[in-house]
Amino acid sequence: VAAITSAGSADYQDSVKGRFTISRDNAKNTVYLQMNSLNAED
């Protein structure tokens, strides 16, 4: 669906571009996926 490198570079599957956002917080050892405008195909 989405990936983010250690340097913070992100890439997305075409079907989620503009709707999903991947991010990371290295201080919290956590990666997030914000998903908006969800539809049944998700």
Full PDB file with SEQRES, HELIX, SHEET, SSBOND, CRYST1, ORIGX, SCALE, CONECT and MASTER records, all heavy atoms in Angstrom:
SEQRES   1 A   42  VAL ALA ALA ILE THR SER ALA GLY SER ALA ASP TYR GLN          
SEQRES   2 A   42  ASP SER VAL LYS GLY ARG PHE THR ILE SER ARG ASP ASN          
SEQRES   3 A   42  ALA LYS ASN THR VAL TYR LEU GLN MET ASN SER LEU ASN          
SEQRES   4 A   42  ALA GLU ASP                                                  
HELIX    1 AA1 ASP A   14  VAL A   16  5                                   3    
HELIX    2 AA2 ASN A   26  LYS A   28  5                                   3    
SHEET    1 AA1 2 ALA A   2  ILE A   4  0                                        
SHEET    2 AA1 2 ALA A  10  TYR A  12 -1                                        
SHEET    1 AA2 2 PHE A  20  ASP A  25  0                                        
SHEET    2 AA2 2 THR A  30  MET A  35 -1                                        
CRYST1    1.000    1.000    1.000  90.00  90.00  90.00 P 1           1          
ORIGX1      1.000000  0.000000  0.000000        0.00000                         
ORIGX2      0.000000  1.000000  0.000000        0.00000                         
ORIGX3      0.000000  0.000000  1.000000        0.00000                         
SCALE1      1.000000  0.000000  0.000000        0.00000                         
SCALE2      0.000000  1.000000  0.000000        0.00000                         
SCALE3      0.000000  0.000000  1.000000        0.00000                         
ATOM      1  N   VAL A   1       0.831  -1.198   0.000  1.00  0.00           N  
ATOM      2  CA  VAL A   1       0.000   0.000   0.000  1.00  0.00           C  
ATOM      3  C   VAL A   1       0.867   1.251   0.000  1.00  0.00           C  
ATOM      4  O   VAL A   1       0.680   2.164  -0.797  1.00  0.00           O  
ATOM      5  CB  VAL A   1      -0.935   0.018   1.219  1.00  0.00           C  
ATOM      6  CG1 VAL A   1      -1.734   1.311   1.273  1.00  0.00           C  
ATOM      7  CG2 VAL A   1      -1.868  -1.184   1.197  1.00  0.00           C  
ATOM      8  N   ALA A   2       1.819   1.294   0.929  1.00  0.00           N  
ATOM      9  CA  ALA A   2       2.698   2.452   1.047  1.00  0.00           C  
ATOM     10  C   ALA A   2       3.948   2.036   1.797  1.00  0.00           C  
ATOM     11  O   ALA A   2       3.926   1.094   2.590  1.00  0.00           O  
ATOM     12  CB  ALA A   2       1.999   3.597   1.791  1.00  0.00           C  
ATOM     13  N   ALA A   3       5.036   2.770   1.537  1.00  0.00           N  
ATOM     14  CA  ALA A   3       6.288   2.496   2.226  1.00  0.00           C  
ATOM     15  C   ALA A   3       7.020   3.809   2.455  1.00  0.00           C  
ATOM     16  O   ALA A   3       6.843   4.774   1.698  1.00  0.00           O  
ATOM     17  CB  ALA A   3       7.157   1.538   1.420  1.00  0.00           C  
ATOM     18  N   ILE A   4       7.843   3.817   3.490  1.00  0.00           N  
ATOM     19  CA  ILE A   4       8.633   4.997   3.794  1.00  0.00           C  
ATOM     20  C   ILE A   4      10.030   4.556   4.209  1.00  0.00           C  
ATOM     21  O   ILE A   4      10.185   3.667   5.048  1.00  0.00           O  
ATOM     22  CB  ILE A   4       7.937   5.860   4.879  1.00  0.00           C  
ATOM     23  CG1 ILE A   4       8.696   7.169   5.102  1.00  0.00           C  
ATOM     24  CG2 ILE A   4       7.741   5.086   6.177  1.00  0.00           C  
ATOM     25  CD1 ILE A   4       7.896   8.190   5.901  1.00  0.00           C  
ATOM     26  N   THR A   5      11.027   5.160   3.595  1.00  0.00           N  
ATOM     27  CA  THR A   5      12.402   4.777   3.875  1.00  0.00           C  
ATOM     28  C   THR A   5      12.884   5.395   5.186  1.00  0.00           C  
ATOM     29  O   THR A   5      12.202   6.229   5.798  1.00  0.00           O  
ATOM     30  CB  THR A   5      13.333   5.230   2.752  1.00  0.00           C  
ATOM     31  OG1 THR A   5      13.398   6.665   2.763  1.00  0.00           O  
ATOM     32  CG2 THR A   5      12.842   4.763   1.394  1.00  0.00           C  
ATOM     33  N   SER A   6      14.066   4.986   5.594  1.00  0.00           N  
ATOM     34  CA  SER A   6      14.657   5.544   6.807  1.00  0.00           C  
ATOM     35  C   SER A   6      14.900   7.048   6.661  1.00  0.00           C  
ATOM     36  O   SER A   6      14.910   7.773   7.657  1.00  0.00           O  
ATOM     37  CB  SER A   6      15.961   4.827   7.146  1.00  0.00           C  
ATOM     38  OG  SER A   6      16.871   4.927   6.059  1.00  0.00           O  
ATOM     39  N   ALA A   7      15.065   7.498   5.420  1.00  0.00           N  
ATOM     40  CA  ALA A   7      15.283   8.928   5.171  1.00  0.00           C  
ATOM     41  C   ALA A   7      13.980   9.703   5.051  1.00  0.00           C  
ATOM     42  O   ALA A   7      14.006  10.927   4.906  1.00  0.00           O  
ATOM     43  CB  ALA A   7      16.101   9.114   3.899  1.00  0.00           C  
ATOM     44  N   GLY A   8      12.860   8.992   5.083  1.00  0.00           N  
ATOM     45  CA  GLY A   8      11.565   9.658   5.034  1.00  0.00           C  
ATOM     46  C   GLY A   8      10.945   9.774   3.661  1.00  0.00           C  
ATOM     47  O   GLY A   8       9.929  10.444   3.487  1.00  0.00           O  
ATOM     48  N   SER A   9      11.526   9.105   2.673  1.00  0.00           N  
ATOM     49  CA  SER A   9      10.965   9.117   1.331  1.00  0.00           C  
ATOM     50  C   SER A   9       9.814   8.113   1.242  1.00  0.00           C  
ATOM     51  O   SER A   9       9.981   6.945   1.600  1.00  0.00           O  
ATOM     52  CB  SER A   9      12.041   8.763   0.311  1.00  0.00           C  
ATOM     53  OG  SER A   9      11.513   8.717  -0.987  1.00  0.00           O  
ATOM     54  N   ALA A  10       8.672   8.573   0.757  1.00  0.00           N  
ATOM     55  CA  ALA A  10       7.475   7.738   0.748  1.00  0.00           C  
ATOM     56  C   ALA A  10       7.058   7.368  -0.670  1.00  0.00           C  
ATOM     57  O   ALA A  10       7.292   8.125  -1.625  1.00  0.00           O  
ATOM     58  CB  ALA A  10       6.329   8.457   1.451  1.00  0.00           C  
ATOM     59  N   ASP A  11       6.423   6.220  -0.779  1.00  0.00           N  
ATOM     60  CA  ASP A  11       5.902   5.757  -2.051  1.00  0.00           C  
ATOM     61  C   ASP A  11       4.546   5.101  -1.803  1.00  0.00           C  
ATOM     62  O   ASP A  11       4.326   4.528  -0.724  1.00  0.00           O  
ATOM     63  CB  ASP A  11       6.853   4.758  -2.695  1.00  0.00           C  
ATOM     64  CG  ASP A  11       6.529   4.512  -4.155  1.00  0.00           C  
ATOM     65  OD1 ASP A  11       5.815   5.345  -4.769  1.00  0.00           O  
ATOM     66  OD2 ASP A  11       6.978   3.488  -4.706  1.00  0.00           O  
ATOM     67  N   TYR A  12       3.661   5.185  -2.799  1.00  0.00           N  
ATOM     68  CA  TYR A  12       2.296   4.710  -2.624  1.00  0.00           C  
ATOM     69  C   TYR A  12       1.830   3.893  -3.828  1.00  0.00           C  
ATOM     70  O   TYR A  12       2.226   4.141  -4.969  1.00  0.00           O  
ATOM     71  CB  TYR A  12       1.333   5.895  -2.470  1.00  0.00           C  
ATOM     72  CG  TYR A  12       1.619   6.758  -1.279  1.00  0.00           C  
ATOM     73  CD1 TYR A  12       2.470   7.858  -1.377  1.00  0.00           C  
ATOM     74  CD2 TYR A  12       1.033   6.484  -0.040  1.00  0.00           C  
ATOM     75  CE1 TYR A  12       2.740   8.652  -0.283  1.00  0.00           C  
ATOM     76  CE2 TYR A  12       1.298   7.279   1.057  1.00  0.00           C  
ATOM     77  CZ  TYR A  12       2.155   8.360   0.931  1.00  0.00           C  
ATOM     78  OH  TYR A  12       2.414   9.147   2.028  1.00  0.00           O  
ATOM     79  N   GLN A  13       0.933   2.973  -3.538  1.00  0.00           N  
ATOM     80  CA  GLN A  13       0.204   2.288  -4.600  1.00  0.00           C  
ATOM     81  C   GLN A  13      -0.705   3.329  -5.272  1.00  0.00           C  
ATOM     82  O   GLN A  13      -1.252   4.211  -4.599  1.00  0.00           O  
ATOM     83  CB  GLN A  13      -0.639   1.169  -3.993  1.00  0.00           C  
ATOM     84  CG  GLN A  13      -1.446   0.377  -4.986  1.00  0.00           C  
ATOM     85  CD  GLN A  13      -2.473  -0.501  -4.283  1.00  0.00           C  
ATOM     86  OE1 GLN A  13      -3.655  -0.226  -4.344  1.00  0.00           O  
ATOM     87  NE2 GLN A  13      -2.035  -1.563  -3.646  1.00  0.00           N  
ATOM     88  N   ASP A  14      -0.863   3.201  -6.576  1.00  0.00           N  
ATOM     89  CA  ASP A  14      -1.632   4.216  -7.308  1.00  0.00           C  
ATOM     90  C   ASP A  14      -3.047   4.404  -6.757  1.00  0.00           C  
ATOM     91  O   ASP A  14      -3.569   5.524  -6.718  1.00  0.00           O  
ATOM     92  CB  ASP A  14      -1.714   3.838  -8.786  1.00  0.00           C  
ATOM     93  CG  ASP A  14      -0.415   4.090  -9.533  1.00  0.00           C  
ATOM     94  OD1 ASP A  14       0.469   4.790  -8.980  1.00  0.00           O  
ATOM     95  OD2 ASP A  14      -0.263   3.579 -10.653  1.00  0.00           O  
ATOM     96  N   SER A  15      -3.678   3.333  -6.326  1.00  0.00           N  
ATOM     97  CA  SER A  15      -5.077   3.416  -5.906  1.00  0.00           C  
ATOM     98  C   SER A  15      -5.270   4.211  -4.620  1.00  0.00           C  
ATOM     99  O   SER A  15      -6.402   4.589  -4.293  1.00  0.00           O  
ATOM    100  CB  SER A  15      -5.673   2.022  -5.741  1.00  0.00           C  
ATOM    101  OG  SER A  15      -5.099   1.356  -4.637  1.00  0.00           O  
ATOM    102  N   VAL A  16      -4.189   4.454  -3.871  1.00  0.00           N  
ATOM    103  CA  VAL A  16      -4.336   5.169  -2.602  1.00  0.00           C  
ATOM    104  C   VAL A  16      -3.693   6.546  -2.628  1.00  0.00           C  
ATOM    105  O   VAL A  16      -3.796   7.292  -1.662  1.00  0.00           O  
ATOM    106  CB  VAL A  16      -3.770   4.344  -1.419  1.00  0.00           C  
ATOM    107  CG1 VAL A  16      -4.372   2.947  -1.400  1.00  0.00           C  
ATOM    108  CG2 VAL A  16      -2.244   4.301  -1.451  1.00  0.00           C  
ATOM    109  N   LYS A  17      -3.040   6.887  -3.730  1.00  0.00           N  
ATOM    110  CA  LYS A  17      -2.385   8.194  -3.822  1.00  0.00           C  
ATOM    111  C   LYS A  17      -3.418   9.305  -3.656  1.00  0.00           C  
ATOM    112  O   LYS A  17      -4.484   9.271  -4.254  1.00  0.00           O  
ATOM    113  CB  LYS A  17      -1.669   8.336  -5.162  1.00  0.00           C  
ATOM    114  CG  LYS A  17      -0.384   7.539  -5.259  1.00  0.00           C  
ATOM    115  CD  LYS A  17       0.302   7.738  -6.602  1.00  0.00           C  
ATOM    116  CE  LYS A  17       1.602   6.942  -6.665  1.00  0.00           C  
ATOM    117  NZ  LYS A  17       2.267   7.079  -7.989  1.00  0.00           N  
ATOM    118  N   GLY A  18      -3.073  10.271  -2.840  1.00  0.00           N  
ATOM    119  CA  GLY A  18      -3.978  11.375  -2.570  1.00  0.00           C  
ATOM    120  C   GLY A  18      -4.974  11.100  -1.459  1.00  0.00           C  
ATOM    121  O   GLY A  18      -5.652  12.013  -0.998  1.00  0.00           O  
ATOM    122  N   ARG A  19      -5.077   9.842  -1.021  1.00  0.00           N  
ATOM    123  CA  ARG A  19      -6.010   9.490   0.058  1.00  0.00           C  
ATOM    124  C   ARG A  19      -5.283   9.013   1.308  1.00  0.00           C  
ATOM    125  O   ARG A  19      -5.746   9.268   2.423  1.00  0.00           O  
ATOM    126  CB  ARG A  19      -6.963   8.380  -0.415  1.00  0.00           C  
ATOM    127  CG  ARG A  19      -7.805   8.747  -1.606  1.00  0.00           C  
ATOM    128  CD  ARG A  19      -8.878   7.686  -1.878  1.00  0.00           C  
ATOM    129  NE  ARG A  19      -8.317   6.373  -2.191  1.00  0.00           N  
ATOM    130  CZ  ARG A  19      -8.605   5.260  -1.510  1.00  0.00           C  
ATOM    131  NH1 ARG A  19      -9.435   5.302  -0.484  1.00  0.00           N  
ATOM    132  NH2 ARG A  19      -8.071   4.108  -1.882  1.00  0.00           N  
ATOM    133  N   PHE A  20      -4.198   8.301   1.127  1.00  0.00           N  
ATOM    134  CA  PHE A  20      -3.443   7.743   2.251  1.00  0.00           C  
ATOM    135  C   PHE A  20      -2.130   8.498   2.410  1.00  0.00           C  
ATOM    136  O   PHE A  20      -1.520   8.936   1.428  1.00  0.00           O  
ATOM    137  CB  PHE A  20      -3.124   6.273   2.002  1.00  0.00           C  
ATOM    138  CG  PHE A  20      -4.299   5.329   2.045  1.00  0.00           C  
ATOM    139  CD1 PHE A  20      -5.609   5.789   2.056  1.00  0.00           C  
ATOM    140  CD2 PHE A  20      -4.083   3.964   2.056  1.00  0.00           C  
ATOM    141  CE1 PHE A  20      -6.686   4.926   2.093  1.00  0.00           C  
ATOM    142  CE2 PHE A  20      -5.143   3.075   2.093  1.00  0.00           C  
ATOM    143  CZ  PHE A  20      -6.444   3.557   2.095  1.00  0.00           C  
ATOM    144  N   THR A  21      -1.689   8.605   3.650  1.00  0.00           N  
ATOM    145  CA  THR A  21      -0.398   9.214   3.951  1.00  0.00           C  
ATOM    146  C   THR A  21       0.355   8.347   4.953  1.00  0.00           C  
ATOM    147  O   THR A  21      -0.176   8.042   6.024  1.00  0.00           O  
ATOM    148  CB  THR A  21      -0.569  10.623   4.533  1.00  0.00           C  
ATOM    149  OG1 THR A  21      -1.303  11.449   3.611  1.00  0.00           O  
ATOM    150  CG2 THR A  21       0.792  11.265   4.788  1.00  0.00           C  
ATOM    151  N   ILE A  22       1.565   7.974   4.590  1.00  0.00           N  
ATOM    152  CA  ILE A  22       2.418   7.223   5.507  1.00  0.00           C  
ATOM    153  C   ILE A  22       3.410   8.184   6.137  1.00  0.00           C  
ATOM    154  O   ILE A  22       3.922   9.093   5.481  1.00  0.00           O  
ATOM    155  CB  ILE A  22       3.144   6.064   4.781  1.00  0.00           C  
ATOM    156  CG1 ILE A  22       3.842   5.152   5.783  1.00  0.00           C  
ATOM    157  CG2 ILE A  22       4.106   6.584   3.718  1.00  0.00           C  
ATOM    158  CD1 ILE A  22       4.384   3.860   5.160  1.00  0.00           C  
ATOM    159  N   SER A  23       3.663   7.991   7.418  1.00  0.00           N  
ATOM    160  CA  SER A  23       4.620   8.830   8.126  1.00  0.00           C  
ATOM    161  C   SER A  23       5.280   8.003   9.217  1.00  0.00           C  
ATOM    162  O   SER A  23       4.810   6.912   9.551  1.00  0.00           O  
ATOM    163  CB  SER A  23       3.927  10.061   8.729  1.00  0.00           C  
ATOM    164  OG  SER A  23       2.938   9.682   9.669  1.00  0.00           O  
ATOM    165  N   ARG A  24       6.360   8.521   9.750  1.00  0.00           N  
ATOM    166  CA  ARG A  24       7.066   7.802  10.806  1.00  0.00           C  
ATOM    167  C   ARG A  24       7.560   8.772  11.863  1.00  0.00           C  
ATOM    168  O   ARG A  24       7.878   9.932  11.561  1.00  0.00           O  
ATOM    169  CB  ARG A  24       8.224   6.987  10.224  1.00  0.00           C  
ATOM    170  CG  ARG A  24       9.334   7.807   9.589  1.00  0.00           C  
ATOM    171  CD  ARG A  24      10.310   6.902   8.826  1.00  0.00           C  
ATOM    172  NE  ARG A  24      11.012   5.981   9.720  1.00  0.00           N  
ATOM    173  CZ  ARG A  24      11.577   4.838   9.325  1.00  0.00           C  
ATOM    174  NH1 ARG A  24      11.524   4.485   8.054  1.00  0.00           N  
ATOM    175  NH2 ARG A  24      12.209   4.077  10.198  1.00  0.00           N  
ATOM    176  N   ASP A  25       7.614   8.267  13.084  1.00  0.00           N  
ATOM    177  CA  ASP A  25       8.156   9.008  14.212  1.00  0.00           C  
ATOM    178  C   ASP A  25       9.258   8.143  14.808  1.00  0.00           C  
ATOM    179  O   ASP A  25       8.969   7.201  15.560  1.00  0.00           O  
ATOM    180  CB  ASP A  25       7.057   9.318  15.230  1.00  0.00           C  
ATOM    181  CG  ASP A  25       7.547  10.205  16.361  1.00  0.00           C  
ATOM    182  OD1 ASP A  25       8.762  10.251  16.608  1.00  0.00           O  
ATOM    183  OD2 ASP A  25       6.695  10.838  16.996  1.00  0.00           O  
ATOM    184  N   ASN A  26      10.489   8.440  14.469  1.00  0.00           N  
ATOM    185  CA  ASN A  26      11.599   7.607  14.928  1.00  0.00           C  
ATOM    186  C   ASN A  26      11.765   7.661  16.444  1.00  0.00           C  
ATOM    187  O   ASN A  26      12.247   6.698  17.059  1.00  0.00           O  
ATOM    188  CB  ASN A  26      12.892   8.025  14.239  1.00  0.00           C  
ATOM    189  CG  ASN A  26      12.924   7.656  12.768  1.00  0.00           C  
ATOM    190  OD1 ASN A  26      12.142   6.798  12.308  1.00  0.00           O  
ATOM    191  ND2 ASN A  26      13.783   8.289  12.010  1.00  0.00           N  
ATOM    192  N   ALA A  27      11.371   8.748  17.052  1.00  0.00           N  
ATOM    193  CA  ALA A  27      11.481   8.859  18.509  1.00  0.00           C  
ATOM    194  C   ALA A  27      10.517   7.904  19.208  1.00  0.00           C  
ATOM    195  O   ALA A  27      10.767   7.490  20.343  1.00  0.00           O  
ATOM    196  CB  ALA A  27      11.223  10.289  18.943  1.00  0.00           C  
ATOM    197  N   LYS A  28       9.427   7.565  18.524  1.00  0.00           N  
ATOM    198  CA  LYS A  28       8.422   6.666  19.106  1.00  0.00           C  
ATOM    199  C   LYS A  28       8.474   5.265  18.487  1.00  0.00           C  
ATOM    200  O   LYS A  28       7.627   4.428  18.789  1.00  0.00           O  
ATOM    201  CB  LYS A  28       7.020   7.256  18.927  1.00  0.00           C  
ATOM    202  CG  LYS A  28       6.810   8.562  19.680  1.00  0.00           C  
ATOM    203  CD  LYS A  28       5.388   9.058  19.519  1.00  0.00           C  
ATOM    204  CE  LYS A  28       5.169  10.333  20.310  1.00  0.00           C  
ATOM    205  NZ  LYS A  28       3.781  10.851  20.180  1.00  0.00           N  
ATOM    206  N   ASN A  29       9.440   5.045  17.582  1.00  0.00           N  
ATOM    207  CA  ASN A  29       9.562   3.735  16.919  1.00  0.00           C  
ATOM    208  C   ASN A  29       8.260   3.327  16.227  1.00  0.00           C  
ATOM    209  O   ASN A  29       7.914   2.138  16.203  1.00  0.00           O  
ATOM    210  CB  ASN A  29       9.974   2.648  17.917  1.00  0.00           C  
ATOM    211  CG  ASN A  29      11.387   2.802  18.409  1.00  0.00           C  
ATOM    212  OD1 ASN A  29      12.117   3.677  17.951  1.00  0.00           O  
ATOM    213  ND2 ASN A  29      11.783   1.969  19.348  1.00  0.00           N  
ATOM    214  N   THR A  30       7.587   4.299  15.661  1.00  0.00           N  
ATOM    215  CA  THR A  30       6.240   4.054  15.146  1.00  0.00           C  
ATOM    216  C   THR A  30       6.076   4.604  13.732  1.00  0.00           C  
ATOM    217  O   THR A  30       6.589   5.681  13.418  1.00  0.00           O  
ATOM    218  CB  THR A  30       5.196   4.697  16.073  1.00  0.00           C  
ATOM    219  OG1 THR A  30       5.317   4.111  17.382  1.00  0.00           O  
ATOM    220  CG2 THR A  30       3.780   4.460  15.566  1.00  0.00           C  
ATOM    221  N   VAL A  31       5.360   3.823  12.923  1.00  0.00           N  
ATOM    222  CA  VAL A  31       4.964   4.254  11.592  1.00  0.00           C  
ATOM    223  C   VAL A  31       3.442   4.336  11.570  1.00  0.00           C  
ATOM    224  O   VAL A  31       2.764   3.545  12.232  1.00  0.00           O  
ATOM    225  CB  VAL A  31       5.491   3.300  10.505  1.00  0.00           C  
ATOM    226  CG1 VAL A  31       4.932   1.889  10.670  1.00  0.00           C  
ATOM    227  CG2 VAL A  31       5.190   3.834   9.104  1.00  0.00           C  
ATOM    228  N   TYR A  32       2.941   5.308  10.837  1.00  0.00           N  
ATOM    229  CA  TYR A  32       1.502   5.551  10.767  1.00  0.00           C  
ATOM    230  C   TYR A  32       1.019   5.456   9.317  1.00  0.00           C  
ATOM    231  O   TYR A  32       1.771   5.707   8.382  1.00  0.00           O  
ATOM    232  CB  TYR A  32       1.161   6.941  11.302  1.00  0.00           C  
ATOM    233  CG  TYR A  32       1.664   7.217  12.688  1.00  0.00           C  
ATOM    234  CD1 TYR A  32       2.861   7.882  12.909  1.00  0.00           C  
ATOM    235  CD2 TYR A  32       0.925   6.797  13.800  1.00  0.00           C  
ATOM    236  CE1 TYR A  32       3.322   8.127  14.190  1.00  0.00           C  
ATOM    237  CE2 TYR A  32       1.384   7.047  15.085  1.00  0.00           C  
ATOM    238  CZ  TYR A  32       2.584   7.708  15.271  1.00  0.00           C  
ATOM    239  OH  TYR A  32       3.037   7.954  16.549  1.00  0.00           O  
ATOM    240  N   LEU A  33      -0.256   5.125   9.184  1.00  0.00           N  
ATOM    241  CA  LEU A  33      -0.908   5.199   7.889  1.00  0.00           C  
ATOM    242  C   LEU A  33      -2.235   5.922   8.095  1.00  0.00           C  
ATOM    243  O   LEU A  33      -3.166   5.368   8.688  1.00  0.00           O  
ATOM    244  CB  LEU A  33      -1.142   3.814   7.284  1.00  0.00           C  
ATOM    245  CG  LEU A  33      -1.710   3.826   5.869  1.00  0.00           C  
ATOM    246  CD1 LEU A  33      -0.678   4.383   4.884  1.00  0.00           C  
ATOM    247  CD2 LEU A  33      -2.143   2.427   5.436  1.00  0.00           C  
ATOM    248  N   GLN A  34      -2.284   7.149   7.645  1.00  0.00           N  
ATOM    249  CA  GLN A  34      -3.517   7.918   7.694  1.00  0.00           C  
ATOM    250  C   GLN A  34      -4.308   7.619   6.431  1.00  0.00           C  
ATOM    251  O   GLN A  34      -3.807   7.832   5.323  1.00  0.00           O  
ATOM    252  CB  GLN A  34      -3.225   9.415   7.785  1.00  0.00           C  
ATOM    253  CG  GLN A  34      -4.462  10.290   7.785  1.00  0.00           C  
ATOM    254  CD  GLN A  34      -5.321  10.107   9.016  1.00  0.00           C  
ATOM    255  OE1 GLN A  34      -4.804  10.037  10.134  1.00  0.00           O  
ATOM    256  NE2 GLN A  34      -6.634  10.024   8.833  1.00  0.00           N  
ATOM    257  N   MET A  35      -5.522   7.110   6.613  1.00  0.00           N  
ATOM    258  CA  MET A  35      -6.345   6.704   5.483  1.00  0.00           C  
ATOM    259  C   MET A  35      -7.610   7.553   5.448  1.00  0.00           C  
ATOM    260  O   MET A  35      -8.401   7.518   6.396  1.00  0.00           O  
ATOM    261  CB  MET A  35      -6.709   5.219   5.603  1.00  0.00           C  
ATOM    262  CG  MET A  35      -5.496   4.310   5.753  1.00  0.00           C  
ATOM    263  SD  MET A  35      -5.921   2.553   5.734  1.00  0.00           S  
ATOM    264  CE  MET A  35      -6.848   2.415   7.256  1.00  0.00           C  
ATOM    265  N   ASN A  36      -7.771   8.304   4.387  1.00  0.00           N  
ATOM    266  CA  ASN A  36      -8.942   9.152   4.204  1.00  0.00           C  
ATOM    267  C   ASN A  36      -9.739   8.694   2.986  1.00  0.00           C  
ATOM    268  O   ASN A  36      -9.240   7.941   2.145  1.00  0.00           O  
ATOM    269  CB  ASN A  36      -8.508  10.609   4.027  1.00  0.00           C  
ATOM    270  CG  ASN A  36      -7.745  11.156   5.212  1.00  0.00           C  
ATOM    271  OD1 ASN A  36      -7.998  10.767   6.366  1.00  0.00           O  
ATOM    272  ND2 ASN A  36      -6.815  12.051   4.953  1.00  0.00           N  
ATOM    273  N   SER A  37     -10.959   9.166   2.907  1.00  0.00           N  
ATOM    274  CA  SER A  37     -11.838   8.837   1.772  1.00  0.00           C  
ATOM    275  C   SER A  37     -11.873   7.341   1.499  1.00  0.00           C  
ATOM    276  O   SER A  37     -11.749   6.887   0.371  1.00  0.00           O  
ATOM    277  CB  SER A  37     -11.382   9.588   0.518  1.00  0.00           C  
ATOM    278  OG  SER A  37     -11.375  10.982   0.728  1.00  0.00           O  
ATOM    279  N   LEU A  38     -12.062   6.595   2.546  1.00  0.00           N  
ATOM    280  CA  LEU A  38     -12.051   5.133   2.417  1.00  0.00           C  
ATOM    281  C   LEU A  38     -13.250   4.645   1.625  1.00  0.00           C  
ATOM    282  O   LEU A  38     -14.348   5.235   1.698  1.00  0.00           O  
ATOM    283  CB  LEU A  38     -12.029   4.494   3.803  1.00  0.00           C  
ATOM    284  CG  LEU A  38     -10.671   4.587   4.527  1.00  0.00           C  
ATOM    285  CD1 LEU A  38     -10.838   4.378   6.019  1.00  0.00           C  
ATOM    286  CD2 LEU A  38      -9.710   3.572   3.950  1.00  0.00           C  
ATOM    287  N   ASN A  39     -13.029   3.587   0.873  1.00  0.00           N  
ATOM    288  CA  ASN A  39     -14.111   2.950   0.127  1.00  0.00           C  
ATOM    289  C   ASN A  39     -14.064   1.439   0.329  1.00  0.00           C  
ATOM    290  O   ASN A  39     -13.121   0.912   0.944  1.00  0.00           O  
ATOM    291  CB  ASN A  39     -14.045   3.334  -1.348  1.00  0.00           C  
ATOM    292  CG  ASN A  39     -12.717   2.964  -1.978  1.00  0.00           C  
ATOM    293  OD1 ASN A  39     -12.351   1.789  -2.006  1.00  0.00           O  
ATOM    294  ND2 ASN A  39     -12.003   3.952  -2.504  1.00  0.00           N  
ATOM    295  N   ALA A  40     -15.060   0.755  -0.176  1.00  0.00           N  
ATOM    296  CA  ALA A  40     -15.183  -0.684   0.069  1.00  0.00           C  
ATOM    297  C   ALA A  40     -13.967  -1.461  -0.432  1.00  0.00           C  
ATOM    298  O   ALA A  40     -13.616  -2.501   0.144  1.00  0.00           O  
ATOM    299  CB  ALA A  40     -16.458  -1.206  -0.598  1.00  0.00           C  
ATOM    300  N   GLU A  41     -13.331  -0.963  -1.470  1.00  0.00           N  
ATOM    301  CA  GLU A  41     -12.160  -1.656  -2.016  1.00  0.00           C  
ATOM    302  C   GLU A  41     -10.943  -1.598  -1.092  1.00  0.00           C  
ATOM    303  O   GLU A  41      -9.966  -2.301  -1.312  1.00  0.00           O  
ATOM    304  CB  GLU A  41     -11.783  -1.072  -3.386  1.00  0.00           C  
ATOM    305  CG  GLU A  41     -12.750  -1.422  -4.521  1.00  0.00           C  
ATOM    306  CD  GLU A  41     -14.105  -0.759  -4.370  1.00  0.00           C  
ATOM    307  OE1 GLU A  41     -14.142   0.432  -3.955  1.00  0.00           O  
ATOM    308  OE2 GLU A  41     -15.127  -1.427  -4.633  1.00  0.00           O  
ATOM    309  N   ASP A  42     -11.026  -0.759  -0.074  1.00  0.00           N  
ATOM    310  CA  ASP A  42      -9.935  -0.681   0.901  1.00  0.00           C  
ATOM    311  C   ASP A  42     -10.096  -1.711   2.019  1.00  0.00           C  
ATOM    312  O   ASP A  42      -9.203  -1.823   2.871  1.00  0.00           O  
ATOM    313  CB  ASP A  42      -9.879   0.724   1.515  1.00  0.00           C  
ATOM    314  CG  ASP A  42      -9.565   1.799   0.494  1.00  0.00           C  
ATOM    315  OD1 ASP A  42      -8.660   1.584  -0.339  1.00  0.00           O  
ATOM    316  OD2 ASP A  42     -10.229   2.854   0.526  1.00  0.00           O  
TER     317      ASP A  42                                                      
MASTER        0    0    0    2    4    0    0    6  316    1    0    4          
END                                                                             
